[in-house]
Amino acid sequence: MKKLTVKQPKLVNRDKPLLLHDNAKAHSAKKTSAKLRELGLETLPHPSYSPDLAPTDYHFFLNFDNFLRGRKFNSEEAVKSAFENFAGSLSLEFFRKGLSCLPEKWQKCVDSNGEYFD
C-alpha cells in the first residue's frame, strides 16, 4: 500500500469509489455509463475477453469453485444457500487480496503489448 500511495496517490486518496467491472454489455451500455458518470463514479477500462484481469474470474470464482468442489445439490434453494454461505464467509481481506493482484496483472498485459500470454 505504501508503494501505491507514492506511485498512484489518486487511487488511495479518494472520496468516491473507483468501480472495476468487466466490459459486458450491461456494464458498458450507454445508459449504464451515463448513470455511473451522473453518480460521480469513475470506472476503469477493461479489455475485451480478459478474464485473467477480472477479479471476479481469477479470484472470486476460483475460490467459489474450490468451495463447491465435491458438493452435490438437490435443489435450487440448496445452491442459493451454498452461495450465501460462501459469500457471507468472505472477509474484507479476501477482497483486498484479490484487488492487490491487479497492478501486477495489468503490468503483465502492458509488457506483452496486449498479446496473449499464459
C-alpha atoms as a PDB file:
ATOM      1  CA  MET A   1       0.000   0.000   0.000  1.00  0.00           C
ATOM      2  CA  LYS A   2       2.927   2.335   0.656  1.00  0.00           C
ATOM      3  CA  LYS A   3       4.179   1.943  -2.925  1.00  0.00           C
ATOM      4  CA  LEU A   4       0.701   2.651  -4.244  1.00  0.00           C
ATOM      5  CA  THR A   5       0.475   5.776  -2.088  1.00  0.00           C
ATOM      6  CA  VAL A   6       3.696   7.068  -3.654  1.00  0.00           C
ATOM      7  CA  LYS A   7       3.136   5.926  -7.244  1.00  0.00           C
ATOM      8  CA  GLN A   8      -0.631   6.452  -7.547  1.00  0.00           C
ATOM      9  CA  PRO A   9      -1.854   8.768  -4.760  1.00  0.00           C
ATOM     10  CA  LYS A  10      -5.097   9.421  -6.679  1.00  0.00           C
ATOM     11  CA  LEU A  11      -6.064   5.780  -6.173  1.00  0.00           C
ATOM     12  CA  VAL A  12      -5.506   5.940  -2.425  1.00  0.00           C
ATOM     13  CA  ASN A  13      -6.752   9.409  -1.519  1.00  0.00           C
ATOM     14  CA  ARG A  14     -10.256   9.181  -2.918  1.00  0.00           C
ATOM     15  CA  ASP A  15     -13.571  10.415  -1.598  1.00  0.00           C
ATOM     16  CA  LYS A  16     -15.564   8.306  -4.075  1.00  0.00           C
ATOM     17  CA  PRO A  17     -15.188   4.649  -5.014  1.00  0.00           C
ATOM     18  CA  LEU A  18     -13.388   3.531  -8.127  1.00  0.00           C
ATOM     19  CA  LEU A  19     -15.507   0.961  -9.945  1.00  0.00           C
ATOM     20  CA  LEU A  20     -13.899  -2.021 -11.637  1.00  0.00           C
ATOM     21  CA  HIS A  21     -16.034  -4.343 -13.700  1.00  0.00           C
ATOM     22  CA  ASP A  22     -15.745  -6.240 -16.942  1.00  0.00           C
ATOM     23  CA  ASN A  23     -16.979  -4.861 -20.233  1.00  0.00           C
ATOM     24  CA  ALA A  24     -20.135  -6.949 -20.512  1.00  0.00           C
ATOM     25  CA  LYS A  25     -22.858  -5.135 -22.442  1.00  0.00           C
ATOM     26  CA  ALA A  26     -24.863  -4.491 -19.273  1.00  0.00           C
ATOM     27  CA  HIS A  27     -21.847  -2.747 -17.728  1.00  0.00           C
ATOM     28  CA  SER A  28     -20.764  -0.784 -20.792  1.00  0.00           C
ATOM     29  CA  ALA A  29     -24.155   0.252 -22.202  1.00  0.00           C
ATOM     30  CA  LYS A  30     -24.524   3.995 -22.818  1.00  0.00           C
ATOM     31  CA  LYS A  31     -27.341   4.247 -20.283  1.00  0.00           C
ATOM     32  CA  THR A  32     -25.281   2.465 -17.610  1.00  0.00           C
ATOM     33  CA  SER A  33     -22.173   4.537 -18.352  1.00  0.00           C
ATOM     34  CA  ALA A  34     -24.196   7.763 -18.226  1.00  0.00           C
ATOM     35  CA  LYS A  35     -25.710   6.808 -14.851  1.00  0.00           C
ATOM     36  CA  LEU A  36     -22.277   5.991 -13.401  1.00  0.00           C
ATOM     37  CA  ARG A  37     -20.951   9.382 -14.569  1.00  0.00           C
ATOM     38  CA  GLU A  38     -24.041  11.082 -13.123  1.00  0.00           C
ATOM     39  CA  LEU A  39     -23.299   9.407  -9.781  1.00  0.00           C
ATOM     40  CA  GLY A  40     -19.701  10.622  -9.972  1.00  0.00           C
ATOM     41  CA  LEU A  41     -18.268   7.106 -10.157  1.00  0.00           C
ATOM     42  CA  GLU A  42     -15.074   6.520 -12.077  1.00  0.00           C
ATOM     43  CA  THR A  43     -14.708   3.267 -13.960  1.00  0.00           C
ATOM     44  CA  LEU A  44     -11.519   1.592 -15.043  1.00  0.00           C
ATOM     45  CA  PRO A  45     -11.428   0.393 -18.645  1.00  0.00           C
ATOM     46  CA  HIS A  46     -11.283  -3.351 -19.104  1.00  0.00           C
ATOM     47  CA  PRO A  47     -10.030  -5.082 -22.260  1.00  0.00           C
ATOM     48  CA  SER A  48     -12.349  -7.482 -24.056  1.00  0.00           C
ATOM     49  CA  TYR A  49     -12.106 -11.189 -23.355  1.00  0.00           C
ATOM     50  CA  SER A  50      -9.635 -10.861 -20.497  1.00  0.00           C
ATOM     51  CA  PRO A  51     -10.955 -12.972 -17.615  1.00  0.00           C
ATOM     52  CA  ASP A  52      -7.445 -13.094 -16.162  1.00  0.00           C
ATOM     53  CA  LEU A  53      -7.819  -9.370 -15.442  1.00  0.00           C
ATOM     54  CA  ALA A  54     -11.264  -9.588 -13.837  1.00  0.00           C
ATOM     55  CA  PRO A  55     -11.059 -10.163 -10.060  1.00  0.00           C
ATOM     56  CA  THR A  56     -14.380 -11.993 -10.101  1.00  0.00           C
ATOM     57  CA  ASP A  57     -12.951 -14.516 -12.543  1.00  0.00           C
ATOM     58  CA  TYR A  58      -9.433 -15.100 -11.227  1.00  0.00           C
ATOM     59  CA  HIS A  59     -10.114 -14.618  -7.511  1.00  0.00           C
ATOM     60  CA  PHE A  60     -13.768 -14.860  -6.507  1.00  0.00           C
ATOM     61  CA  PHE A  61     -14.919 -17.666  -8.800  1.00  0.00           C
ATOM     62  CA  LEU A  62     -11.691 -19.622  -8.371  1.00  0.00           C
ATOM     63  CA  ASN A  63     -12.294 -19.672  -4.612  1.00  0.00           C
ATOM     64  CA  PHE A  64     -16.008 -20.325  -5.074  1.00  0.00           C
ATOM     65  CA  ASP A  65     -15.159 -23.261  -7.340  1.00  0.00           C
ATOM     66  CA  ASN A  66     -12.877 -24.661  -4.627  1.00  0.00           C
ATOM     67  CA  PHE A  67     -15.649 -24.149  -2.050  1.00  0.00           C
ATOM     68  CA  LEU A  68     -18.106 -26.114  -4.223  1.00  0.00           C
ATOM     69  CA  ARG A  69     -15.720 -28.895  -5.219  1.00  0.00           C
ATOM     70  CA  GLY A  70     -17.201 -32.302  -4.465  1.00  0.00           C
ATOM     71  CA  ARG A  71     -20.583 -30.958  -3.364  1.00  0.00           C
ATOM     72  CA  LYS A  72     -23.860 -32.062  -4.888  1.00  0.00           C
ATOM     73  CA  PHE A  73     -27.104 -30.105  -4.681  1.00  0.00           C
ATOM     74  CA  ASN A  74     -30.632 -31.452  -4.776  1.00  0.00           C
ATOM     75  CA  SER A  75     -32.419 -28.152  -5.262  1.00  0.00           C
ATOM     76  CA  GLU A  76     -32.021 -24.584  -6.435  1.00  0.00           C
ATOM     77  CA  GLU A  77     -32.537 -23.489  -2.830  1.00  0.00           C
ATOM     78  CA  ALA A  78     -29.528 -25.577  -1.734  1.00  0.00           C
ATOM     79  CA  VAL A  79     -27.397 -23.878  -4.410  1.00  0.00           C
ATOM     80  CA  LYS A  80     -28.531 -20.425  -3.262  1.00  0.00           C
ATOM     81  CA  SER A  81     -27.820 -21.343   0.343  1.00  0.00           C
ATOM     82  CA  ALA A  82     -24.309 -22.566  -0.528  1.00  0.00           C
ATOM     83  CA  PHE A  83     -23.585 -19.318  -2.360  1.00  0.00           C
ATOM     84  CA  GLU A  84     -24.883 -17.229   0.544  1.00  0.00           C
ATOM     85  CA  ASN A  85     -22.737 -19.227   2.986  1.00  0.00           C
ATOM     86  CA  PHE A  86     -19.657 -18.732   0.820  1.00  0.00           C
ATOM     87  CA  ALA A  87     -20.250 -15.022   0.204  1.00  0.00           C
ATOM     88  CA  GLY A  88     -21.065 -14.444   3.872  1.00  0.00           C
ATOM     89  CA  SER A  89     -17.805 -16.038   4.955  1.00  0.00           C
ATOM     90  CA  LEU A  90     -15.601 -13.653   2.943  1.00  0.00           C
ATOM     91  CA  SER A  91     -13.613 -11.035   4.786  1.00  0.00           C
ATOM     92  CA  LEU A  92     -12.521  -7.591   3.671  1.00  0.00           C
ATOM     93  CA  GLU A  93      -9.009  -9.037   3.425  1.00  0.00           C
ATOM     94  CA  PHE A  94     -10.240 -11.572   0.849  1.00  0.00           C
ATOM     95  CA  PHE A  95     -11.289  -8.724  -1.460  1.00  0.00           C
ATOM     96  CA  ARG A  96      -8.153  -6.701  -0.736  1.00  0.00           C
ATOM     97  CA  LYS A  97      -6.041  -9.692  -1.720  1.00  0.00           C
ATOM     98  CA  GLY A  98      -7.911 -10.111  -4.999  1.00  0.00           C
ATOM     99  CA  LEU A  99      -7.611  -6.446  -5.890  1.00  0.00           C
ATOM    100  CA  SER A 100      -3.963  -6.212  -4.840  1.00  0.00           C
ATOM    101  CA  CYS A 101      -3.076  -8.617  -7.676  1.00  0.00           C
ATOM    102  CA  LEU A 102      -4.389  -6.236 -10.325  1.00  0.00           C
ATOM    103  CA  PRO A 103      -1.335  -3.964 -10.810  1.00  0.00           C
ATOM    104  CA  GLU A 104       0.901  -6.958 -11.494  1.00  0.00           C
ATOM    105  CA  LYS A 105      -1.649  -8.466 -13.899  1.00  0.00           C
ATOM    106  CA  TRP A 106      -2.098  -5.139 -15.693  1.00  0.00           C
ATOM    107  CA  GLN A 107       1.662  -4.700 -15.996  1.00  0.00           C
ATOM    108  CA  LYS A 108       1.977  -8.179 -17.480  1.00  0.00           C
ATOM    109  CA  CYS A 109      -0.631  -7.196 -20.070  1.00  0.00           C
ATOM    110  CA  VAL A 110       1.209  -3.940 -20.857  1.00  0.00           C
ATOM    111  CA  ASP A 111       4.569  -5.723 -21.101  1.00  0.00           C
ATOM    112  CA  SER A 112       3.123  -8.186 -23.620  1.00  0.00           C
ATOM    113  CA  ASN A 113       1.753  -5.319 -25.764  1.00  0.00           C
ATOM    114  CA  GLY A 114      -1.709  -6.798 -25.371  1.00  0.00           C
ATOM    115  CA  GLU A 115      -0.693 -10.127 -26.878  1.00  0.00           C
ATOM    116  CA  TYR A 116      -1.953 -13.384 -25.372  1.00  0.00           C
ATOM    117  CA  PHE A 117       0.147 -14.902 -22.596  1.00  0.00           C
ATOM    118  CA  ASP A 118      -0.262 -17.685 -20.022  1.00  0.00           C
END
